[in-house]
């Protein structure tokens, strides 16, 4: 099975941190301030945040059972067409993580995978 990903180094980083039996579903490069990438496994969402002082990087794991909601945030242009990027917001009830992707297709895929796992 082929894993959708944008950058090999990001996929490799997720693979190195997997728990026994955990499967990667997708790894997408993020755009905008701070975030490096978002990975989806069959157990959790993994977000790399590059916005810390001193070039520190945080890799945050969010188990699906801890996610309270997931939202798609999109902008429509004056002509009614969607821009070529989209945001996802993942809320744990205490914190909301926002990640921006190139392409609405990636945003939709991340949303749908998270929604699937939080509803089951």
PDB file of N, CA and C in Angstrom:
ATOM      1  N   UNK A   1       0.838  -1.182   0.000  1.00  0.00           N
ATOM      2  CA  UNK A   1       0.000   0.000   0.000  1.00  0.00           C
ATOM      3  C   UNK A   1       0.880   1.242   0.000  1.00  0.00           C
ATOM      4  N   UNK A   2       0.579   2.182  -0.852  1.00  0.00           N
ATOM      5  CA  UNK A   2       1.357   3.401  -0.981  1.00  0.00           C
ATOM      6  C   UNK A   2       0.877   4.448   0.024  1.00  0.00           C
ATOM      7  N   UNK A   3       1.816   5.046   0.753  1.00  0.00           N
ATOM      8  CA  UNK A   3       1.508   6.083   1.742  1.00  0.00           C
ATOM      9  C   UNK A   3       1.650   7.440   1.068  1.00  0.00           C
ATOM     10  N   UNK A   4       0.586   8.264   1.073  1.00  0.00           N
ATOM     11  CA  UNK A   4       0.736   9.601   0.507  1.00  0.00           C
ATOM     12  C   UNK A   4       1.632  10.467   1.400  1.00  0.00           C
ATOM     13  N   UNK A   5       2.628  11.121   0.799  1.00  0.00           N
ATOM     14  CA  UNK A   5       3.506  12.015   1.547  1.00  0.00           C
ATOM     15  C   UNK A   5       4.071  13.068   0.603  1.00  0.00           C
ATOM     16  N   UNK A   6       4.508  14.189   1.198  1.00  0.00           N
ATOM     17  CA  UNK A   6       5.092  15.278   0.409  1.00  0.00           C
ATOM     18  C   UNK A   6       6.615  15.225   0.398  1.00  0.00           C
ATOM     19  N   UNK A   7       7.211  14.901   1.535  1.00  0.00           N
ATOM     20  CA  UNK A   7       8.672  14.902   1.640  1.00  0.00           C
ATOM     21  C   UNK A   7       9.158  13.634   2.331  1.00  0.00           C
ATOM     22  N   UNK A   8      10.161  12.999   1.727  1.00  0.00           N
ATOM     23  CA  UNK A   8      10.704  11.735   2.241  1.00  0.00           C
ATOM     24  C   UNK A   8      11.264  11.898   3.650  1.00  0.00           C
ATOM     25  N   UNK A   9      11.941  13.017   3.967  1.00  0.00           N
ATOM     26  CA  UNK A   9      12.529  13.187   5.294  1.00  0.00           C
ATOM     27  C   UNK A   9      11.454  13.247   6.388  1.00  0.00           C
ATOM     28  N   UNK A  10      10.300  13.814   6.059  1.00  0.00           N
ATOM     29  CA  UNK A  10       9.202  13.866   7.021  1.00  0.00           C
ATOM     30  C   UNK A  10       8.620  12.465   7.249  1.00  0.00           C
ATOM     31  N   UNK A  11       8.439  11.722   6.186  1.00  0.00           N
ATOM     32  CA  UNK A  11       7.961  10.343   6.293  1.00  0.00           C
ATOM     33  C   UNK A  11       8.926   9.512   7.130  1.00  0.00           C
ATOM     34  N   UNK A  12      10.226   9.669   6.888  1.00  0.00           N
ATOM     35  CA  UNK A  12      11.239   8.928   7.641  1.00  0.00           C
ATOM     36  C   UNK A  12      11.183   9.274   9.128  1.00  0.00           C
ATOM     37  N   UNK A  13      10.985  10.553   9.438  1.00  0.00           N
ATOM     38  CA  UNK A  13      10.926  10.983  10.837  1.00  0.00           C
ATOM     39  C   UNK A  13       9.737  10.331  11.547  1.00  0.00           C
ATOM     40  N   UNK A  14       8.594  10.261  10.870  1.00  0.00           N
ATOM     41  CA  UNK A  14       7.410   9.613  11.456  1.00  0.00           C
ATOM     42  C   UNK A  14       7.687   8.114  11.639  1.00  0.00           C
ATOM     43  N   UNK A  15       8.290   7.480  10.638  1.00  0.00           N
ATOM     44  CA  UNK A  15       8.569   6.043  10.719  1.00  0.00           C
ATOM     45  C   UNK A  15       9.465   5.702  11.903  1.00  0.00           C
ATOM     46  N   UNK A  16      10.420   6.584  12.201  1.00  0.00           N
ATOM     47  CA  UNK A  16      11.353   6.337  13.305  1.00  0.00           C
ATOM     48  C   UNK A  16      10.658   6.370  14.666  1.00  0.00           C
ATOM     49  N   UNK A  17       9.520   7.067  14.768  1.00  0.00           N
ATOM     50  CA  UNK A  17       8.846   7.212  16.047  1.00  0.00           C
ATOM     51  C   UNK A  17       7.604   6.364  16.230  1.00  0.00           C
ATOM     52  N   UNK A  18       7.403   5.390  15.353  1.00  0.00           N
ATOM     53  CA  UNK A  18       6.200   4.556  15.443  1.00  0.00           C
ATOM     54  C   UNK A  18       6.252   3.585  16.624  1.00  0.00           C
ATOM     55  N   UNK A  19       5.091   3.338  17.175  1.00  0.00           N
ATOM     56  CA  UNK A  19       4.950   2.300  18.195  1.00  0.00           C
ATOM     57  C   UNK A  19       4.839   0.956  17.470  1.00  0.00           C
ATOM     58  N   UNK A  20       5.064  -0.126  18.190  1.00  0.00           N
ATOM     59  CA  UNK A  20       4.981  -1.452  17.577  1.00  0.00           C
ATOM     60  C   UNK A  20       3.577  -1.673  17.013  1.00  0.00           C
ATOM     61  N   UNK A  21       3.494  -2.058  15.747  1.00  0.00           N
ATOM     62  CA  UNK A  21       2.231  -2.336  15.090  1.00  0.00           C
ATOM     63  C   UNK A  21       1.510  -1.121  14.530  1.00  0.00           C
ATOM     64  N   UNK A  22       2.035   0.077  14.778  1.00  0.00           N
ATOM     65  CA  UNK A  22       1.381   1.315  14.298  1.00  0.00           C
ATOM     66  C   UNK A  22       1.642   1.495  12.802  1.00  0.00           C
ATOM     67  N   UNK A  23       0.636   1.938  12.078  1.00  0.00           N
ATOM     68  CA  UNK A  23       0.733   2.110  10.621  1.00  0.00           C
ATOM     69  C   UNK A  23       0.579   3.572  10.233  1.00  0.00           C
ATOM     70  N   UNK A  24       1.437   4.049   9.334  1.00  0.00           N
ATOM     71  CA  UNK A  24       1.327   5.414   8.814  1.00  0.00           C
ATOM     72  C   UNK A  24       0.249   5.442   7.740  1.00  0.00           C
ATOM     73  N   UNK A  25      -0.617   6.469   7.790  1.00  0.00           N
ATOM     74  CA  UNK A  25      -1.665   6.642   6.791  1.00  0.00           C
ATOM     75  C   UNK A  25      -1.316   7.740   5.788  1.00  0.00           C
ATOM     76  N   UNK A  26      -0.651   8.816   6.258  1.00  0.00           N
ATOM     77  CA  UNK A  26      -0.254   9.922   5.378  1.00  0.00           C
ATOM     78  C   UNK A  26       0.665  10.858   6.150  1.00  0.00           C
ATOM     79  N   UNK A  27       1.534  11.582   5.412  1.00  0.00           N
ATOM     80  CA  UNK A  27       2.388  12.620   5.994  1.00  0.00           C
ATOM     81  C   UNK A  27       2.391  13.791   5.020  1.00  0.00           C
ATOM     82  N   UNK A  28       1.871  14.941   5.475  1.00  0.00           N
ATOM     83  CA  UNK A  28       1.758  16.105   4.599  1.00  0.00           C
ATOM     84  C   UNK A  28       2.566  17.278   5.131  1.00  0.00           C
ATOM     85  N   UNK A  29       3.286  17.917   4.228  1.00  0.00           N
ATOM     86  CA  UNK A  29       4.037  19.126   4.541  1.00  0.00           C
ATOM     87  C   UNK A  29       3.055  20.246   4.846  1.00  0.00           C
ATOM     88  N   UNK A  30       3.371  21.046   5.854  1.00  0.00           N
ATOM     89  CA  UNK A  30       2.514  22.169   6.216  1.00  0.00           C
ATOM     90  C   UNK A  30       3.172  23.468   5.772  1.00  0.00           C
ATOM     91  N   UNK A  31       2.341  24.473   5.530  1.00  0.00           N
ATOM     92  CA  UNK A  31       2.847  25.787   5.167  1.00  0.00           C
ATOM     93  C   UNK A  31       2.426  26.776   6.244  1.00  0.00           C
ATOM     94  N   UNK A  32       3.025  27.943   6.229  1.00  0.00           N
ATOM     95  CA  UNK A  32       2.683  28.938   7.229  1.00  0.00           C
ATOM     96  C   UNK A  32       3.654  28.911   8.391  1.00  0.00           C
ATOM     97  N   UNK A  33       3.408  29.754   9.358  1.00  0.00           N
ATOM     98  CA  UNK A  33       4.297  29.955  10.484  1.00  0.00           C
ATOM     99  C   UNK A  33       4.310  28.742  11.412  1.00  0.00           C
ATOM    100  N   UNK A  34       5.505  28.272  11.729  1.00  0.00           N
ATOM    101  CA  UNK A  34       5.660  27.312  12.811  1.00  0.00           C
ATOM    102  C   UNK A  34       5.596  25.846  12.464  1.00  0.00           C
ATOM    103  N   UNK A  35       4.597  25.420  11.734  1.00  0.00           N
ATOM    104  CA  UNK A  35       4.389  23.985  11.580  1.00  0.00           C
ATOM    105  C   UNK A  35       5.224  23.413  10.447  1.00  0.00           C
ATOM    106  N   UNK A  36       5.856  22.275  10.724  1.00  0.00           N
ATOM    107  CA  UNK A  36       6.662  21.596   9.727  1.00  0.00           C
ATOM    108  C   UNK A  36       5.870  20.583   8.922  1.00  0.00           C
ATOM    109  N   UNK A  37       5.121  19.719   9.621  1.00  0.00           N
ATOM    110  CA  UNK A  37       4.319  18.715   8.927  1.00  0.00           C
ATOM    111  C   UNK A  37       3.281  18.126   9.860  1.00  0.00           C
ATOM    112  N   UNK A  38       2.353  17.395   9.272  1.00  0.00           N
ATOM    113  CA  UNK A  38       1.347  16.646  10.026  1.00  0.00           C
ATOM    114  C   UNK A  38       1.360  15.226   9.499  1.00  0.00           C
ATOM    115  N   UNK A  39       1.427  14.272  10.423  1.00  0.00           N
ATOM    116  CA  UNK A  39       1.374  12.861  10.065  1.00  0.00           C
ATOM    117  C   UNK A  39       0.142  12.213  10.656  1.00  0.00           C
ATOM    118  N   UNK A  40      -0.413  11.275   9.934  1.00  0.00           N
ATOM    119  CA  UNK A  40      -1.561  10.508  10.410  1.00  0.00           C
ATOM    120  C   UNK A  40      -1.160   9.046  10.498  1.00  0.00           C
ATOM    121  N   UNK A  41      -1.451   8.429  11.644  1.00  0.00           N
ATOM    122  CA  UNK A  41      -1.271   6.985  11.757  1.00  0.00           C
ATOM    123  C   UNK A  41      -2.630   6.383  12.104  1.00  0.00           C
ATOM    124  N   UNK A  42      -2.662   5.094  12.278  1.00  0.00           N
ATOM    125  CA  UNK A  42      -3.920   4.451  12.667  1.00  0.00           C
ATOM    126  C   UNK A  42      -4.203   4.623  14.161  1.00  0.00           C
ATOM    127  N   UNK A  43      -3.325   5.324  14.892  1.00  0.00           N
ATOM    128  CA  UNK A  43      -3.512   5.535  16.327  1.00  0.00           C
ATOM    129  C   UNK A  43      -3.530   7.000  16.768  1.00  0.00           C
ATOM    130  N   UNK A  44      -2.903   7.888  15.963  1.00  0.00           N
ATOM    131  CA  UNK A  44      -2.739   9.271  16.417  1.00  0.00           C
ATOM    132  C   UNK A  44      -2.435  10.230  15.271  1.00  0.00           C
ATOM    133  N   UNK A  45      -2.517  11.519  15.610  1.00  0.00           N
ATOM    134  CA  UNK A  45      -2.073  12.595  14.732  1.00  0.00           C
ATOM    135  C   UNK A  45      -0.740  13.074  15.292  1.00  0.00           C
ATOM    136  N   UNK A  46       0.241  13.295  14.426  1.00  0.00           N
ATOM    137  CA  UNK A  46       1.562  13.761  14.840  1.00  0.00           C
ATOM    138  C   UNK A  46       1.828  15.094  14.133  1.00  0.00           C
ATOM    139  N   UNK A  47       2.117  16.134  14.929  1.00  0.00           N
ATOM    140  CA  UNK A  47       2.363  17.463  14.372  1.00  0.00           C
ATOM    141  C   UNK A  47       3.764  17.908  14.770  1.00  0.00           C
ATOM    142  N   UNK A  48       4.560  18.331  13.786  1.00  0.00           N
ATOM    143  CA  UNK A  48       5.864  18.920  14.080  1.00  0.00           C
ATOM    144  C   UNK A  48       5.715  20.422  14.078  1.00  0.00           C
ATOM    145  N   UNK A  49       6.133  21.064  15.155  1.00  0.00           N
ATOM    146  CA  UNK A  49       6.043  22.512  15.315  1.00  0.00           C
ATOM    147  C   UNK A  49       7.458  23.083  15.397  1.00  0.00           C
ATOM    148  N   UNK A  50       7.795  23.965  14.457  1.00  0.00           N
ATOM    149  CA  UNK A  50       9.132  24.557  14.389  1.00  0.00           C
ATOM    150  C   UNK A  50       9.197  25.953  14.980  1.00  0.00           C
ATOM    151  N   UNK A  51       8.179  26.384  15.700  1.00  0.00           N
ATOM    152  CA  UNK A  51       8.087  27.797  16.099  1.00  0.00           C
ATOM    153  C   UNK A  51       8.710  28.123  17.452  1.00  0.00           C
ATOM    154  N   UNK A  52       9.416  27.190  18.051  1.00  0.00           N
ATOM    155  CA  UNK A  52       9.980  27.452  19.371  1.00  0.00           C
ATOM    156  C   UNK A  52      11.279  28.245  19.280  1.00  0.00           C
ATOM    157  N   UNK A  53      11.559  29.014  20.319  1.00  0.00           N
ATOM    158  CA  UNK A  53      12.759  29.846  20.383  1.00  0.00           C
ATOM    159  C   UNK A  53      13.997  28.960  20.441  1.00  0.00           C
ATOM    160  N   UNK A  54      15.082  29.429  19.861  1.00  0.00           N
ATOM    161  CA  UNK A  54      16.332  28.686  19.914  1.00  0.00           C
ATOM    162  C   UNK A  54      16.378  27.505  18.977  1.00  0.00           C
ATOM    163  N   UNK A  55      15.596  27.559  17.922  1.00  0.00           N
ATOM    164  CA  UNK A  55      15.562  26.502  16.904  1.00  0.00           C
ATOM    165  C   UNK A  55      15.128  25.149  17.465  1.00  0.00           C
ATOM    166  N   UNK A  56      14.365  25.173  18.555  1.00  0.00           N
ATOM    167  CA  UNK A  56      13.835  23.931  19.105  1.00  0.00           C
ATOM    168  C   UNK A  56      12.618  23.508  18.297  1.00  0.00           C
ATOM    169  N   UNK A  57      12.426  22.208  18.212  1.00  0.00           N
ATOM    170  CA  UNK A  57      11.319  21.632  17.454  1.00  0.00           C
ATOM    171  C   UNK A  57      10.519  20.737  18.387  1.00  0.00           C
ATOM    172  N   UNK A  58       9.209  20.866  18.338  1.00  0.00           N
ATOM    173  CA  UNK A  58       8.346  19.982  19.120  1.00  0.00           C
ATOM    174  C   UNK A  58       7.626  19.033  18.181  1.00  0.00           C
ATOM    175  N   UNK A  59       7.584  17.783  18.555  1.00  0.00           N
ATOM    176  CA  UNK A  59       6.758  16.809  17.843  1.00  0.00           C
ATOM    177  C   UNK A  59       5.677  16.378  18.831  1.00  0.00           C
ATOM    178  N   UNK A  60       4.436  16.725  18.502  1.00  0.00           N
ATOM    179  CA  UNK A  60       3.300  16.486  19.384  1.00  0.00           C
ATOM    180  C   UNK A  60       2.465  15.340  18.840  1.00  0.00           C
ATOM    181  N   UNK A  61       2.167  14.375  19.708  1.00  0.00           N
ATOM    182  CA  UNK A  61       1.293  13.263  19.350  1.00  0.00           C
ATOM    183  C   UNK A  61      -0.057  13.476  20.010  1.00  0.00           C
ATOM    184  N   UNK A  62      -1.117  13.352  19.221  1.00  0.00           N
ATOM    185  CA  UNK A  62      -2.475  13.516  19.729  1.00  0.00           C
ATOM    186  C   UNK A  62      -3.243  12.223  19.426  1.00  0.00           C
ATOM    187  N   UNK A  63      -3.482  11.398  20.446  1.00  0.00           N
ATOM    188  CA  UNK A  63      -4.272  10.194  20.213  1.00  0.00           C
ATOM    189  C   UNK A  63      -5.685  10.569  19.752  1.00  0.00           C
ATOM    190  N   UNK A  64      -6.244   9.799  18.840  1.00  0.00           N
ATOM    191  CA  UNK A  64      -7.588  10.104  18.333  1.00  0.00           C
ATOM    192  C   UNK A  64      -8.613  10.204  19.458  1.00  0.00           C
ATOM    193  N   UNK A  65      -8.464   9.394  20.513  1.00  0.00           N
ATOM    194  CA  UNK A  65      -9.413   9.413  21.624  1.00  0.00           C
ATOM    195  C   UNK A  65      -9.412  10.748  22.368  1.00  0.00           C
ATOM    196  N   UNK A  66      -8.353  11.541  22.215  1.00  0.00           N
ATOM    197  CA  UNK A  66      -8.248  12.844  22.892  1.00  0.00           C
ATOM    198  C   UNK A  66      -8.762  14.004  22.041  1.00  0.00           C
ATOM    199  N   UNK A  67      -9.104  13.732  20.786  1.00  0.00           N
ATOM    200  CA  UNK A  67      -9.565  14.794  19.894  1.00  0.00           C
ATOM    201  C   UNK A  67     -11.058  15.000  20.084  1.00  0.00           C
ATOM    202  N   UNK A  68     -11.432  16.246  20.425  1.00  0.00           N
ATOM    203  CA  UNK A  68     -12.838  16.586  20.647  1.00  0.00           C
ATOM    204  C   UNK A  68     -13.533  16.962  19.345  1.00  0.00           C
ATOM    205  N   UNK A  69     -12.808  17.638  18.442  1.00  0.00           N
ATOM    206  CA  UNK A  69     -13.404  18.032  17.165  1.00  0.00           C
ATOM    207  C   UNK A  69     -12.321  18.291  16.132  1.00  0.00           C
ATOM    208  N   UNK A  70     -12.740  18.258  14.867  1.00  0.00           N
ATOM    209  CA  UNK A  70     -11.858  18.577  13.758  1.00  0.00           C
ATOM    210  C   UNK A  70     -12.635  19.454  12.787  1.00  0.00           C
ATOM    211  N   UNK A  71     -11.984  20.509  12.304  1.00  0.00           N
ATOM    212  CA  UNK A  71     -12.653  21.469  11.411  1.00  0.00           C
ATOM    213  C   UNK A  71     -11.801  21.747  10.198  1.00  0.00           C
ATOM    214  N   UNK A  72     -12.477  22.042   9.092  1.00  0.00           N
ATOM    215  CA  UNK A  72     -11.808  22.539   7.896  1.00  0.00           C
ATOM    216  C   UNK A  72     -12.067  24.034   7.827  1.00  0.00           C
ATOM    217  N   UNK A  73     -11.001  24.812   7.674  1.00  0.00           N
ATOM    218  CA  UNK A  73     -11.114  26.258   7.544  1.00  0.00           C
ATOM    219  C   UNK A  73     -10.667  26.629   6.139  1.00  0.00           C
ATOM    220  N   UNK A  74     -11.556  27.232   5.363  1.00  0.00           N
ATOM    221  CA  UNK A  74     -11.196  27.610   4.002  1.00  0.00           C
ATOM    222  C   UNK A  74     -11.552  29.064   3.763  1.00  0.00           C
ATOM    223  N   UNK A  75     -10.859  29.644   2.828  1.00  0.00           N
ATOM    224  CA  UNK A  75     -11.148  31.005   2.385  1.00  0.00           C
ATOM    225  C   UNK A  75     -11.723  30.921   0.985  1.00  0.00           C
ATOM    226  N   UNK A  76     -12.740  31.701   0.728  1.00  0.00           N
ATOM    227  CA  UNK A  76     -13.240  31.807  -0.638  1.00  0.00           C
ATOM    228  C   UNK A  76     -12.829  33.155  -1.189  1.00  0.00           C
ATOM    229  N   UNK A  77     -12.415  33.152  -2.415  1.00  0.00           N
ATOM    230  CA  UNK A  77     -12.047  34.412  -3.047  1.00  0.00           C
ATOM    231  C   UNK A  77     -13.321  35.173  -3.414  1.00  0.00           C
ATOM    232  N   UNK A  78     -13.157  36.377  -3.897  1.00  0.00           N
ATOM    233  CA  UNK A  78     -14.317  37.183  -4.278  1.00  0.00           C
ATOM    234  C   UNK A  78     -15.094  36.542  -5.414  1.00  0.00           C
ATOM    235  N   UNK A  79     -14.452  35.675  -6.185  1.00  0.00           N
ATOM    236  CA  UNK A  79     -15.126  35.012  -7.303  1.00  0.00           C
ATOM    237  C   UNK A  79     -15.798  33.712  -6.863  1.00  0.00           C
ATOM    238  N   UNK A  80     -15.655  33.367  -5.575  1.00  0.00           N
ATOM    239  CA  UNK A  80     -16.299  32.153  -5.085  1.00  0.00           C
ATOM    240  C   UNK A  80     -15.465  30.901  -5.247  1.00  0.00           C
ATOM    241  N   UNK A  81     -14.264  31.026  -5.781  1.00  0.00           N
ATOM    242  CA  UNK A  81     -13.397  29.865  -5.956  1.00  0.00           C
ATOM    243  C   UNK A  81     -12.539  29.668  -4.709  1.00  0.00           C
ATOM    244  N   UNK A  82     -12.255  28.424  -4.372  1.00  0.00           N
ATOM    245  CA  UNK A  82     -11.382  28.155  -3.243  1.00  0.00           C
ATOM    246  C   UNK A  82      -9.943  28.420  -3.632  1.00  0.00           C
ATOM    247  N   UNK A  83      -9.178  28.936  -2.681  1.00  0.00           N
ATOM    248  CA  UNK A  83      -7.744  29.084  -2.895  1.00  0.00           C
ATOM    249  C   UNK A  83      -7.109  27.703  -2.904  1.00  0.00           C
ATOM    250  N   UNK A  84      -5.836  27.648  -3.266  1.00  0.00           N
ATOM    251  CA  UNK A  84      -5.178  26.346  -3.385  1.00  0.00           C
ATOM    252  C   UNK A  84      -4.581  25.869  -2.061  1.00  0.00           C
ATOM    253  N   UNK A  85      -5.014  26.445  -0.943  1.00  0.00           N
ATOM    254  CA  UNK A  85      -4.572  25.945   0.348  1.00  0.00           C
ATOM    255  C   UNK A  85      -5.773  25.832   1.275  1.00  0.00           C
ATOM    256  N   UNK A  86      -5.607  25.051   2.319  1.00  0.00           N
ATOM    257  CA  UNK A  86      -6.673  24.894   3.297  1.00  0.00           C
ATOM    258  C   UNK A  86      -6.082  24.661   4.673  1.00  0.00           C
ATOM    259  N   UNK A  87      -6.849  25.009   5.685  1.00  0.00           N
ATOM    260  CA  UNK A  87      -6.439  24.827   7.079  1.00  0.00           C
ATOM    261  C   UNK A  87      -7.284  23.734   7.725  1.00  0.00           C
ATOM    262  N   UNK A  88      -6.663  23.043   8.646  1.00  0.00           N
ATOM    263  CA  UNK A  88      -7.381  22.091   9.479  1.00  0.00           C
ATOM    264  C   UNK A  88      -7.207  22.557  10.923  1.00  0.00           C
ATOM    265  N   UNK A  89      -8.253  22.462  11.718  1.00  0.00           N
ATOM    266  CA  UNK A  89      -8.163  22.778  13.145  1.00  0.00           C
ATOM    267  C   UNK A  89      -8.537  21.530  13.924  1.00  0.00           C
ATOM    268  N   UNK A  90      -7.645  21.126  14.823  1.00  0.00           N
ATOM    269  CA  UNK A  90      -7.843  19.933  15.638  1.00  0.00           C
ATOM    270  C   UNK A  90      -7.938  20.387  17.091  1.00  0.00           C
ATOM    271  N   UNK A  91      -9.085  20.151  17.713  1.00  0.00           N
ATOM    272  CA  UNK A  91      -9.284  20.592  19.089  1.00  0.00           C
ATOM    273  C   UNK A  91      -9.287  19.410  20.045  1.00  0.00           C
ATOM    274  N   UNK A  92      -8.529  19.556  21.131  1.00  0.00           N
ATOM    275  CA  UNK A  92      -8.513  18.532  22.175  1.00  0.00           C
ATOM    276  C   UNK A  92      -9.383  18.957  23.354  1.00  0.00           C
ATOM    277  N   UNK A  93     -10.034  20.099  23.235  1.00  0.00           N
ATOM    278  CA  UNK A  93     -10.820  20.638  24.332  1.00  0.00           C
ATOM    279  C   UNK A  93     -10.020  21.647  25.134  1.00  0.00           C
ATOM    280  N   UNK A  94      -8.708  21.394  25.270  1.00  0.00           N
ATOM    281  CA  UNK A  94      -7.824  22.312  25.996  1.00  0.00           C
ATOM    282  C   UNK A  94      -6.992  23.157  25.042  1.00  0.00           C
ATOM    283  N   UNK A  95      -6.747  22.652  23.872  1.00  0.00           N
ATOM    284  CA  UNK A  95      -5.873  23.314  22.915  1.00  0.00           C
ATOM    285  C   UNK A  95      -6.379  23.038  21.498  1.00  0.00           C
ATOM    286  N   UNK A  96      -6.212  24.018  20.628  1.00  0.00           N
ATOM    287  CA  UNK A  96      -6.555  23.822  19.225  1.00  0.00           C
ATOM    288  C   UNK A  96      -5.288  23.968  18.389  1.00  0.00           C
ATOM    289  N   UNK A  97      -5.028  22.972  17.583  1.00  0.00           N
ATOM    290  CA  UNK A  97      -3.875  22.960  16.687  1.00  0.00           C
ATOM    291  C   UNK A  97      -4.381  23.312  15.293  1.00  0.00           C
ATOM    292  N   UNK A  98      -3.759  24.306  14.661  1.00  0.00           N
ATOM    293  CA  UNK A  98      -4.123  24.659  13.285  1.00  0.00           C
ATOM    294  C   UNK A  98      -2.947  24.363  12.375  1.00  0.00           C
ATOM    295  N   UNK A  99      -3.254  23.728  11.257  1.00  0.00           N
ATOM    296  CA  UNK A  99      -2.228  23.381  10.279  1.00  0.00           C
ATOM    297  C   UNK A  99      -2.747  23.778   8.907  1.00  0.00           C
ATOM    298  N   UNK A 100      -1.876  24.404   8.109  1.00  0.00           N
ATOM    299  CA  UNK A 100      -2.249  24.806   6.752  1.00  0.00           C
ATOM    300  C   UNK A 100      -1.505  23.945   5.741  1.00  0.00           C
ATOM    301  N   UNK A 101      -2.236  23.499   4.717  1.00  0.00           N
ATOM    302  CA  UNK A 101      -1.671  22.642   3.672  1.00  0.00           C
ATOM    303  C   UNK A 101      -1.783  23.296   2.305  1.00  0.00           C
ATOM    304  N   UNK A 102      -0.917  22.873   1.391  1.00  0.00           N
ATOM    305  CA  UNK A 102      -1.062  23.242  -0.012  1.00  0.00           C
ATOM    306  C   UNK A 102      -2.097  22.291  -0.604  1.00  0.00           C
ATOM    307  N   UNK A 103      -3.224  22.820  -0.997  1.00  0.00           N
ATOM    308  CA  UNK A 103      -4.227  21.990  -1.659  1.00  0.00           C
ATOM    309  C   UNK A 103      -5.365  21.576  -0.748  1.00  0.00           C
ATOM    310  N   UNK A 104      -6.572  21.843  -1.204  1.00  0.00           N
ATOM    311  CA  UNK A 104      -7.766  21.445  -0.464  1.00  0.00           C
ATOM    312  C   UNK A 104      -7.897  19.929  -0.359  1.00  0.00           C
ATOM    313  N   UNK A 105      -7.303  19.192  -1.313  1.00  0.00           N
ATOM    314  CA  UNK A 105      -7.408  17.735  -1.285  1.00  0.00           C
ATOM    315  C   UNK A 105      -6.724  17.154  -0.054  1.00  0.00           C
ATOM    316  N   UNK A 106      -5.568  17.700   0.323  1.00  0.00           N
ATOM    317  CA  UNK A 106      -4.866  17.230   1.521  1.00  0.00           C
ATOM    318  C   UNK A 106      -5.662  17.593   2.768  1.00  0.00           C
ATOM    319  N   UNK A 107      -6.201  18.805   2.787  1.00  0.00           N
ATOM    320  CA  UNK A 107      -7.003  19.249   3.924  1.00  0.00           C
ATOM    321  C   UNK A 107      -8.195  18.324   4.114  1.00  0.00           C
ATOM    322  N   UNK A 108      -8.884  18.006   3.051  1.00  0.00           N
ATOM    323  CA  UNK A 108     -10.052  17.124   3.107  1.00  0.00           C
ATOM    324  C   UNK A 108      -9.646  15.725   3.570  1.00  0.00           C
ATOM    325  N   UNK A 109      -8.532  15.200   3.066  1.00  0.00           N
ATOM    326  CA  UNK A 109      -8.088  13.862   3.454  1.00  0.00           C
ATOM    327  C   UNK A 109      -7.775  13.799   4.949  1.00  0.00           C
ATOM    328  N   UNK A 110      -7.031  14.799   5.468  1.00  0.00           N
ATOM    329  CA  UNK A 110      -6.702  14.841   6.897  1.00  0.00           C
ATOM    330  C   UNK A 110      -7.987  14.906   7.728  1.00  0.00           C
ATOM    331  N   UNK A 111      -8.903  15.783   7.345  1.00  0.00           N
ATOM    332  CA  UNK A 111     -10.172  15.922   8.059  1.00  0.00           C
ATOM    333  C   UNK A 111     -10.925  14.593   8.095  1.00  0.00           C
ATOM    334  N   UNK A 112     -11.048  13.950   6.946  1.00  0.00           N
ATOM    335  CA  UNK A 112     -11.832  12.724   6.847  1.00  0.00           C
ATOM    336  C   UNK A 112     -11.216  11.575   7.649  1.00  0.00           C
ATOM    337  N   UNK A 113      -9.892  11.458   7.641  1.00  0.00           N
ATOM    338  CA  UNK A 113      -9.224  10.402   8.415  1.00  0.00           C
ATOM    339  C   UNK A 113      -9.440  10.639   9.907  1.00  0.00           C
ATOM    340  N   UNK A 114      -9.222  11.873  10.362  1.00  0.00           N
ATOM    341  CA  UNK A 114      -9.404  12.177  11.786  1.00  0.00           C
ATOM    342  C   UNK A 114     -10.852  11.932  12.195  1.00  0.00           C
ATOM    343  N   UNK A 115     -11.785  12.405  11.386  1.00  0.00           N
ATOM    344  CA  UNK A 115     -13.199  12.217  11.698  1.00  0.00           C
ATOM    345  C   UNK A 115     -13.540  10.728  11.797  1.00  0.00           C
ATOM    346  N   UNK A 116     -13.033   9.940  10.874  1.00  0.00           N
ATOM    347  CA  UNK A 116     -13.259   8.491  10.909  1.00  0.00           C
ATOM    348  C   UNK A 116     -12.822   7.892  12.248  1.00  0.00           C
ATOM    349  N   UNK A 117     -11.616   8.241  12.675  1.00  0.00           N
ATOM    350  CA  UNK A 117     -11.077   7.641  13.900  1.00  0.00           C
ATOM    351  C   UNK A 117     -11.728   8.194  15.170  1.00  0.00           C
ATOM    352  N   UNK A 118     -12.149   9.441  15.189  1.00  0.00           N
ATOM    353  CA  UNK A 118     -12.780   9.942  16.422  1.00  0.00           C
ATOM    354  C   UNK A 118     -14.223   9.477  16.551  1.00  0.00           C
ATOM    355  N   UNK A 119     -14.833   9.062  15.452  1.00  0.00           N
ATOM    356  CA  UNK A 119     -16.215   8.563  15.505  1.00  0.00           C
ATOM    357  C   UNK A 119     -16.294   7.056  15.757  1.00  0.00           C
ATOM    358  N   UNK A 120     -15.169   6.364  15.682  1.00  0.00           N
ATOM    359  CA  UNK A 120     -15.179   4.889  15.875  1.00  0.00           C
ATOM    360  C   UNK A 120     -14.499   4.496  17.158  1.00  0.00           C
TER     361      UNK A 120
END
